[in-house]
Amino acid sequence: MVFTDLYARWSGLPVTTLTRQKRRESWMGRLTEFLWNYPGRTEGVNPQRLFDRDQPSSFFDVMVRYKAGQAAHPHSLHLHVEG
């Protein structure tokens, strides 16, 4: 979360993090969702995109939505992987 915030400030572009579906229930996923829904937020880019690793084809659906969002509001993509 610190990396994406620092990068967004440095580049001047918002960042969307692509990560696994299970992250939604983690403390970081809940915090990201809370901040995204905070009243008065002016940023039009969702900071978190989730995909189901048990269905690898879902990655392509997420990328289609990212591309559509990119056309409306230019932003960077951060791929979060474990390892």
PDB file of N, CA and C in Angstrom:
ATOM      1  N   MET A   1       0.825  -1.176   0.000  1.00  0.00           N
ATOM      2  CA  MET A   1       0.000   0.000   0.000  1.00  0.00           C
ATOM      3  C   MET A   1       0.877   1.251   0.000  1.00  0.00           C
ATOM      4  N   VAL A   2       1.959   1.223   0.743  1.00  0.00           N
ATOM      5  CA  VAL A   2       2.879   2.361   0.765  1.00  0.00           C
ATOM      6  C   VAL A   2       3.508   2.552  -0.610  1.00  0.00           C
ATOM      7  N   PHE A   3       3.928   1.443  -1.240  1.00  0.00           N
ATOM      8  CA  PHE A   3       4.539   1.527  -2.558  1.00  0.00           C
ATOM      9  C   PHE A   3       3.592   2.176  -3.565  1.00  0.00           C
ATOM     10  N   THR A   4       2.366   1.727  -3.603  1.00  0.00           N
ATOM     11  CA  THR A   4       1.437   2.264  -4.593  1.00  0.00           C
ATOM     12  C   THR A   4       1.143   3.733  -4.334  1.00  0.00           C
ATOM     13  N   ASP A   5       1.037   4.125  -3.069  1.00  0.00           N
ATOM     14  CA  ASP A   5       0.797   5.531  -2.751  1.00  0.00           C
ATOM     15  C   ASP A   5       1.995   6.385  -3.159  1.00  0.00           C
ATOM     16  N   LEU A   6       3.195   5.937  -2.820  1.00  0.00           N
ATOM     17  CA  LEU A   6       4.394   6.703  -3.194  1.00  0.00           C
ATOM     18  C   LEU A   6       4.545   6.789  -4.704  1.00  0.00           C
ATOM     19  N   TYR A   7       4.304   5.683  -5.392  1.00  0.00           N
ATOM     20  CA  TYR A   7       4.421   5.695  -6.851  1.00  0.00           C
ATOM     21  C   TYR A   7       3.401   6.650  -7.473  1.00  0.00           C
ATOM     22  N   ALA A   8       2.174   6.622  -6.975  1.00  0.00           N
ATOM     23  CA  ALA A   8       1.138   7.506  -7.511  1.00  0.00           C
ATOM     24  C   ALA A   8       1.529   8.967  -7.329  1.00  0.00           C
ATOM     25  N   ARG A   9       2.093   9.294  -6.190  1.00  0.00           N
ATOM     26  CA  ARG A   9       2.522  10.677  -5.941  1.00  0.00           C
ATOM     27  C   ARG A   9       3.703  11.053  -6.834  1.00  0.00           C
ATOM     28  N   TRP A  10       4.627  10.134  -7.034  1.00  0.00           N
ATOM     29  CA  TRP A  10       5.802  10.398  -7.859  1.00  0.00           C
ATOM     30  C   TRP A  10       5.426  10.541  -9.335  1.00  0.00           C
ATOM     31  N   SER A  11       4.573   9.654  -9.823  1.00  0.00           N
ATOM     32  CA  SER A  11       4.248   9.643 -11.249  1.00  0.00           C
ATOM     33  C   SER A  11       3.126  10.616 -11.618  1.00  0.00           C
ATOM     34  N   GLY A  12       2.324  10.993 -10.639  1.00  0.00           N
ATOM     35  CA  GLY A  12       1.180  11.845 -10.918  1.00  0.00           C
ATOM     36  C   GLY A  12      -0.011  11.082 -11.469  1.00  0.00           C
ATOM     37  N   LEU A  13       0.077   9.751 -11.462  1.00  0.00           N
ATOM     38  CA  LEU A  13      -1.014   8.905 -11.947  1.00  0.00           C
ATOM     39  C   LEU A  13      -1.528   8.015 -10.829  1.00  0.00           C
ATOM     40  N   PRO A  14      -2.842   7.804 -10.759  1.00  0.00           N
ATOM     41  CA  PRO A  14      -3.346   6.834  -9.787  1.00  0.00           C
ATOM     42  C   PRO A  14      -2.904   5.428 -10.174  1.00  0.00           C
ATOM     43  N   VAL A  15      -2.943   4.532  -9.206  1.00  0.00           N
ATOM     44  CA  VAL A  15      -2.486   3.161  -9.419  1.00  0.00           C
ATOM     45  C   VAL A  15      -3.606   2.192  -9.049  1.00  0.00           C
ATOM     46  N   THR A  16      -3.806   1.192  -9.906  1.00  0.00           N
ATOM     47  CA  THR A  16      -4.708   0.090  -9.608  1.00  0.00           C
ATOM     48  C   THR A  16      -3.857  -1.146  -9.349  1.00  0.00           C
ATOM     49  N   THR A  17      -4.089  -1.814  -8.237  1.00  0.00           N
ATOM     50  CA  THR A  17      -3.373  -3.038  -7.907  1.00  0.00           C
ATOM     51  C   THR A  17      -4.233  -4.233  -8.294  1.00  0.00           C
ATOM     52  N   LEU A  18      -3.659  -5.127  -9.060  1.00  0.00           N
ATOM     53  CA  LEU A  18      -4.325  -6.364  -9.456  1.00  0.00           C
ATOM     54  C   LEU A  18      -3.836  -7.476  -8.538  1.00  0.00           C
ATOM     55  N   THR A  19      -4.764  -8.081  -7.820  1.00  0.00           N
ATOM     56  CA  THR A  19      -4.399  -9.099  -6.843  1.00  0.00           C
ATOM     57  C   THR A  19      -5.480 -10.172  -6.771  1.00  0.00           C
ATOM     58  N   ARG A  20      -5.235 -11.176  -5.985  1.00  0.00           N
ATOM     59  CA  ARG A  20      -6.152 -12.315  -5.895  1.00  0.00           C
ATOM     60  C   ARG A  20      -7.424 -11.979  -5.117  1.00  0.00           C
ATOM     61  N   GLN A  21      -8.474 -12.699  -5.414  1.00  0.00           N
ATOM     62  CA  GLN A  21      -9.793 -12.488  -4.824  1.00  0.00           C
ATOM     63  C   GLN A  21      -9.765 -12.579  -3.295  1.00  0.00           C
ATOM     64  N   LYS A  22      -8.958 -13.485  -2.766  1.00  0.00           N
ATOM     65  CA  LYS A  22      -8.918 -13.700  -1.314  1.00  0.00           C
ATOM     66  C   LYS A  22      -8.466 -12.454  -0.556  1.00  0.00           C
ATOM     67  N   ARG A  23      -7.776 -11.571  -1.231  1.00  0.00           N
ATOM     68  CA  ARG A  23      -7.271 -10.374  -0.567  1.00  0.00           C
ATOM     69  C   ARG A  23      -8.407  -9.462  -0.109  1.00  0.00           C
ATOM     70  N   ARG A  24      -9.564  -9.566  -0.742  1.00  0.00           N
ATOM     71  CA  ARG A  24     -10.698  -8.713  -0.374  1.00  0.00           C
ATOM     72  C   ARG A  24     -11.020  -8.824   1.108  1.00  0.00           C
ATOM     73  N   GLU A  25     -10.891 -10.037   1.669  1.00  0.00           N
ATOM     74  CA  GLU A  25     -11.237 -10.261   3.074  1.00  0.00           C
ATOM     75  C   GLU A  25     -10.089  -9.960   4.035  1.00  0.00           C
ATOM     76  N   SER A  26      -8.915  -9.665   3.528  1.00  0.00           N
ATOM     77  CA  SER A  26      -7.779  -9.355   4.405  1.00  0.00           C
ATOM     78  C   SER A  26      -7.919  -7.937   4.954  1.00  0.00           C
ATOM     79  N   TRP A  27      -7.099  -7.607   5.946  1.00  0.00           N
ATOM     80  CA  TRP A  27      -7.159  -6.263   6.515  1.00  0.00           C
ATOM     81  C   TRP A  27      -6.814  -5.216   5.461  1.00  0.00           C
ATOM     82  N   MET A  28      -5.887  -5.529   4.567  1.00  0.00           N
ATOM     83  CA  MET A  28      -5.508  -4.556   3.547  1.00  0.00           C
ATOM     84  C   MET A  28      -6.616  -4.385   2.509  1.00  0.00           C
ATOM     85  N   GLY A  29      -7.279  -5.465   2.150  1.00  0.00           N
ATOM     86  CA  GLY A  29      -8.394  -5.381   1.226  1.00  0.00           C
ATOM     87  C   GLY A  29      -9.546  -4.573   1.795  1.00  0.00           C
ATOM     88  N   ARG A  30      -9.847  -4.802   3.078  1.00  0.00           N
ATOM     89  CA  ARG A  30     -10.924  -4.039   3.730  1.00  0.00           C
ATOM     90  C   ARG A  30     -10.549  -2.569   3.864  1.00  0.00           C
ATOM     91  N   LEU A  31      -9.274  -2.287   4.181  1.00  0.00           N
ATOM     92  CA  LEU A  31      -8.826  -0.900   4.281  1.00  0.00           C
ATOM     93  C   LEU A  31      -8.901  -0.206   2.926  1.00  0.00           C
ATOM     94  N   THR A  32      -8.461  -0.879   1.875  1.00  0.00           N
ATOM     95  CA  THR A  32      -8.528  -0.303   0.533  1.00  0.00           C
ATOM     96  C   THR A  32      -9.969  -0.005   0.153  1.00  0.00           C
ATOM     97  N   GLU A  33     -10.866  -0.928   0.424  1.00  0.00           N
ATOM     98  CA  GLU A  33     -12.285  -0.730   0.113  1.00  0.00           C
ATOM     99  C   GLU A  33     -12.859   0.437   0.912  1.00  0.00           C
ATOM    100  N   PHE A  34     -12.491   0.541   2.185  1.00  0.00           N
ATOM    101  CA  PHE A  34     -12.959   1.646   3.023  1.00  0.00           C
ATOM    102  C   PHE A  34     -12.491   2.988   2.456  1.00  0.00           C
ATOM    103  N   LEU A  35     -11.217   3.075   2.110  1.00  0.00           N
ATOM    104  CA  LEU A  35     -10.679   4.328   1.579  1.00  0.00           C
ATOM    105  C   LEU A  35     -11.302   4.660   0.227  1.00  0.00           C
ATOM    106  N   TRP A  36     -11.553   3.646  -0.599  1.00  0.00           N
ATOM    107  CA  TRP A  36     -12.163   3.858  -1.905  1.00  0.00           C
ATOM    108  C   TRP A  36     -13.579   4.426  -1.763  1.00  0.00           C
ATOM    109  N   ASN A  37     -14.305   3.978  -0.753  1.00  0.00           N
ATOM    110  CA  ASN A  37     -15.685   4.421  -0.552  1.00  0.00           C
ATOM    111  C   ASN A  37     -15.814   5.618   0.380  1.00  0.00           C
ATOM    112  N   TYR A  38     -14.702   6.186   0.808  1.00  0.00           N
ATOM    113  CA  TYR A  38     -14.731   7.316   1.733  1.00  0.00           C
ATOM    114  C   TYR A  38     -15.451   8.502   1.086  1.00  0.00           C
ATOM    115  N   PRO A  39     -16.384   9.108   1.785  1.00  0.00           N
ATOM    116  CA  PRO A  39     -17.121  10.247   1.221  1.00  0.00           C
ATOM    117  C   PRO A  39     -16.175  11.378   0.805  1.00  0.00           C
ATOM    118  N   GLY A  40     -16.477  11.978  -0.313  1.00  0.00           N
ATOM    119  CA  GLY A  40     -15.678  13.100  -0.792  1.00  0.00           C
ATOM    120  C   GLY A  40     -14.478  12.702  -1.632  1.00  0.00           C
ATOM    121  N   ARG A  41     -14.292  11.420  -1.843  1.00  0.00           N
ATOM    122  CA  ARG A  41     -13.167  10.962  -2.663  1.00  0.00           C
ATOM    123  C   ARG A  41     -13.372  11.447  -4.088  1.00  0.00           C
ATOM    124  N   THR A  42     -12.338  12.021  -4.686  1.00  0.00           N
ATOM    125  CA  THR A  42     -12.469  12.591  -6.030  1.00  0.00           C
ATOM    126  C   THR A  42     -11.817  11.734  -7.101  1.00  0.00           C
ATOM    127  N   GLU A  43     -11.020  10.760  -6.731  1.00  0.00           N
ATOM    128  CA  GLU A  43     -10.330   9.922  -7.706  1.00  0.00           C
ATOM    129  C   GLU A  43     -11.310   8.954  -8.349  1.00  0.00           C
ATOM    130  N   GLY A  44     -11.276   8.877  -9.691  1.00  0.00           N
ATOM    131  CA  GLY A  44     -12.218   8.037 -10.416  1.00  0.00           C
ATOM    132  C   GLY A  44     -11.704   6.655 -10.748  1.00  0.00           C
ATOM    133  N   VAL A  45     -10.566   6.272 -10.201  1.00  0.00           N
ATOM    134  CA  VAL A  45      -9.948   4.985 -10.524  1.00  0.00           C
ATOM    135  C   VAL A  45     -10.011   4.071  -9.303  1.00  0.00           C
ATOM    136  N   ASN A  46     -10.583   2.880  -9.493  1.00  0.00           N
ATOM    137  CA  ASN A  46     -10.639   1.915  -8.398  1.00  0.00           C
ATOM    138  C   ASN A  46      -9.221   1.429  -8.094  1.00  0.00           C
ATOM    139  N   PRO A  47      -8.770   1.537  -6.849  1.00  0.00           N
ATOM    140  CA  PRO A  47      -7.394   1.178  -6.530  1.00  0.00           C
ATOM    141  C   PRO A  47      -7.135  -0.327  -6.455  1.00  0.00           C
ATOM    142  N   GLN A  48      -8.171  -1.135  -6.583  1.00  0.00           N
ATOM    143  CA  GLN A  48      -7.996  -2.574  -6.401  1.00  0.00           C
ATOM    144  C   GLN A  48      -8.851  -3.352  -7.400  1.00  0.00           C
ATOM    145  N   ARG A  49      -8.222  -4.220  -8.148  1.00  0.00           N
ATOM    146  CA  ARG A  49      -8.926  -5.145  -9.046  1.00  0.00           C
ATOM    147  C   ARG A  49      -8.601  -6.549  -8.567  1.00  0.00           C
ATOM    148  N   LEU A  50      -9.615  -7.374  -8.459  1.00  0.00           N
ATOM    149  CA  LEU A  50      -9.443  -8.714  -7.913  1.00  0.00           C
ATOM    150  C   LEU A  50      -9.741  -9.760  -8.971  1.00  0.00           C
ATOM    151  N   PHE A  51      -8.977 -10.851  -8.935  1.00  0.00           N
ATOM    152  CA  PHE A  51      -9.279 -11.964  -9.834  1.00  0.00           C
ATOM    153  C   PHE A  51      -9.158 -13.272  -9.080  1.00  0.00           C
ATOM    154  N   ASP A  52      -9.847 -14.276  -9.584  1.00  0.00           N
ATOM    155  CA  ASP A  52      -9.908 -15.596  -8.955  1.00  0.00           C
ATOM    156  C   ASP A  52      -8.814 -16.480  -9.545  1.00  0.00           C
ATOM    157  N   ARG A  53      -7.822 -16.814  -8.740  1.00  0.00           N
ATOM    158  CA  ARG A  53      -6.715 -17.641  -9.232  1.00  0.00           C
ATOM    159  C   ARG A  53      -7.161 -19.056  -9.572  1.00  0.00           C
ATOM    160  N   ASP A  54      -8.297 -19.500  -9.034  1.00  0.00           N
ATOM    161  CA  ASP A  54      -8.817 -20.823  -9.365  1.00  0.00           C
ATOM    162  C   ASP A  54      -9.445 -20.842 -10.760  1.00  0.00           C
ATOM    163  N   GLN A  55      -9.695 -19.664 -11.304  1.00  0.00           N
ATOM    164  CA  GLN A  55     -10.225 -19.531 -12.671  1.00  0.00           C
ATOM    165  C   GLN A  55      -9.303 -18.576 -13.434  1.00  0.00           C
ATOM    166  N   PRO A  56      -8.188 -19.076 -13.941  1.00  0.00           N
ATOM    167  CA  PRO A  56      -7.207 -18.195 -14.593  1.00  0.00           C
ATOM    168  C   PRO A  56      -7.782 -17.336 -15.718  1.00  0.00           C
ATOM    169  N   SER A  57      -8.835 -17.807 -16.383  1.00  0.00           N
ATOM    170  CA  SER A  57      -9.424 -17.009 -17.460  1.00  0.00           C
ATOM    171  C   SER A  57     -10.054 -15.713 -16.941  1.00  0.00           C
ATOM    172  N   SER A  58     -10.339 -15.651 -15.632  1.00  0.00           N
ATOM    173  CA  SER A  58     -10.910 -14.429 -15.073  1.00  0.00           C
ATOM    174  C   SER A  58      -9.928 -13.259 -15.169  1.00  0.00           C
ATOM    175  N   PHE A  59      -8.641 -13.570 -15.295  1.00  0.00           N
ATOM    176  CA  PHE A  59      -7.630 -12.524 -15.455  1.00  0.00           C
ATOM    177  C   PHE A  59      -7.931 -11.672 -16.689  1.00  0.00           C
ATOM    178  N   PHE A  60      -8.358 -12.307 -17.771  1.00  0.00           N
ATOM    179  CA  PHE A  60      -8.641 -11.582 -18.999  1.00  0.00           C
ATOM    180  C   PHE A  60      -9.842 -10.657 -18.847  1.00  0.00           C
ATOM    181  N   ASP A  61     -10.856 -11.082 -18.096  1.00  0.00           N
ATOM    182  CA  ASP A  61     -12.009 -10.218 -17.829  1.00  0.00           C
ATOM    183  C   ASP A  61     -11.582  -8.980 -17.045  1.00  0.00           C
ATOM    184  N   VAL A  62     -10.721  -9.188 -16.070  1.00  0.00           N
ATOM    185  CA  VAL A  62     -10.215  -8.066 -15.273  1.00  0.00           C
ATOM    186  C   VAL A  62      -9.431  -7.101 -16.161  1.00  0.00           C
ATOM    187  N   MET A  63      -8.634  -7.643 -17.065  1.00  0.00           N
ATOM    188  CA  MET A  63      -7.839  -6.785 -17.941  1.00  0.00           C
ATOM    189  C   MET A  63      -8.720  -6.000 -18.918  1.00  0.00           C
ATOM    190  N   VAL A  64      -9.831  -6.569 -19.351  1.00  0.00           N
ATOM    191  CA  VAL A  64     -10.771  -5.840 -20.206  1.00  0.00           C
ATOM    192  C   VAL A  64     -11.340  -4.650 -19.443  1.00  0.00           C
ATOM    193  N   ARG A  65     -11.724  -4.871 -18.178  1.00  0.00           N
ATOM    194  CA  ARG A  65     -12.251  -3.775 -17.354  1.00  0.00           C
ATOM    195  C   ARG A  65     -11.169  -2.728 -17.084  1.00  0.00           C
ATOM    196  N   TYR A  66      -9.929  -3.178 -16.871  1.00  0.00           N
ATOM    197  CA  TYR A  66      -8.825  -2.235 -16.650  1.00  0.00           C
ATOM    198  C   TYR A  66      -8.622  -1.371 -17.898  1.00  0.00           C
ATOM    199  N   LYS A  67      -8.649  -1.997 -19.057  1.00  0.00           N
ATOM    200  CA  LYS A  67      -8.442  -1.263 -20.305  1.00  0.00           C
ATOM    201  C   LYS A  67      -9.531  -0.212 -20.502  1.00  0.00           C
ATOM    202  N   ALA A  68     -10.768  -0.553 -20.209  1.00  0.00           N
ATOM    203  CA  ALA A  68     -11.866   0.408 -20.325  1.00  0.00           C
ATOM    204  C   ALA A  68     -11.668   1.567 -19.348  1.00  0.00           C
ATOM    205  N   GLY A  69     -11.263   1.240 -18.131  1.00  0.00           N
ATOM    206  CA  GLY A  69     -10.991   2.280 -17.140  1.00  0.00           C
ATOM    207  C   GLY A  69      -9.814   3.148 -17.540  1.00  0.00           C
ATOM    208  N   GLN A  70      -8.826   2.541 -18.154  1.00  0.00           N
ATOM    209  CA  GLN A  70      -7.632   3.258 -18.600  1.00  0.00           C
ATOM    210  C   GLN A  70      -8.004   4.288 -19.668  1.00  0.00           C
ATOM    211  N   ALA A  71      -8.946   3.954 -20.536  1.00  0.00           N
ATOM    212  CA  ALA A  71      -9.373   4.885 -21.579  1.00  0.00           C
ATOM    213  C   ALA A  71     -10.059   6.108 -20.973  1.00  0.00           C
ATOM    214  N   ALA A  72     -10.823   5.898 -19.896  1.00  0.00           N
ATOM    215  CA  ALA A  72     -11.540   7.007 -19.256  1.00  0.00           C
ATOM    216  C   ALA A  72     -10.656   7.819 -18.313  1.00  0.00           C
ATOM    217  N   HIS A  73      -9.798   7.136 -17.559  1.00  0.00           N
ATOM    218  CA  HIS A  73      -8.931   7.778 -16.563  1.00  0.00           C
ATOM    219  C   HIS A  73      -7.556   7.113 -16.617  1.00  0.00           C
ATOM    220  N   PRO A  74      -6.587   7.703 -17.292  1.00  0.00           N
ATOM    221  CA  PRO A  74      -5.259   7.075 -17.357  1.00  0.00           C
ATOM    222  C   PRO A  74      -4.705   6.789 -15.954  1.00  0.00           C
ATOM    223  N   HIS A  75      -4.178   5.587 -15.784  1.00  0.00           N
ATOM    224  CA  HIS A  75      -3.592   5.191 -14.511  1.00  0.00           C
ATOM    225  C   HIS A  75      -2.650   4.009 -14.718  1.00  0.00           C
ATOM    226  N   SER A  76      -1.841   3.755 -13.720  1.00  0.00           N
ATOM    227  CA  SER A  76      -0.868   2.665 -13.784  1.00  0.00           C
ATOM    228  C   SER A  76      -1.460   1.379 -13.224  1.00  0.00           C
ATOM    229  N   LEU A  77      -0.829   0.272 -13.588  1.00  0.00           N
ATOM    230  CA  LEU A  77      -1.255  -1.042 -13.099  1.00  0.00           C
ATOM    231  C   LEU A  77      -0.121  -1.670 -12.308  1.00  0.00           C
ATOM    232  N   HIS A  78      -0.438  -2.120 -11.112  1.00  0.00           N
ATOM    233  CA  HIS A  78       0.522  -2.814 -10.244  1.00  0.00           C
ATOM    234  C   HIS A  78       0.039  -4.250 -10.084  1.00  0.00           C
ATOM    235  N   LEU A  79       0.831  -5.198 -10.536  1.00  0.00           N
ATOM    236  CA  LEU A  79       0.481  -6.602 -10.384  1.00  0.00           C
ATOM    237  C   LEU A  79       1.088  -7.131  -9.086  1.00  0.00           C
ATOM    238  N   HIS A  80       0.234  -7.545  -8.167  1.00  0.00           N
ATOM    239  CA  HIS A  80       0.690  -8.060  -6.882  1.00  0.00           C
ATOM    240  C   HIS A  80       0.773  -9.583  -6.970  1.00  0.00           C
ATOM    241  N   VAL A  81       1.950 -10.121  -6.748  1.00  0.00           N
ATOM    242  CA  VAL A  81       2.145 -11.578  -6.763  1.00  0.00           C
ATOM    243  C   VAL A  81       2.797 -11.998  -5.462  1.00  0.00           C
ATOM    244  N   GLU A  82       2.544 -13.234  -5.090  1.00  0.00           N
ATOM    245  CA  GLU A  82       3.185 -13.775  -3.895  1.00  0.00           C
ATOM    246  C   GLU A  82       4.500 -14.421  -4.301  1.00  0.00           C
ATOM    247  N   GLY A  83       5.445 -14.389  -3.398  1.00  0.00           N
ATOM    248  CA  GLY A  83       6.686 -15.060  -3.707  1.00  0.00           C
ATOM    249  C   GLY A  83       7.863 -14.499  -3.023  1.00  0.00           C
TER     250      GLY A  83
END
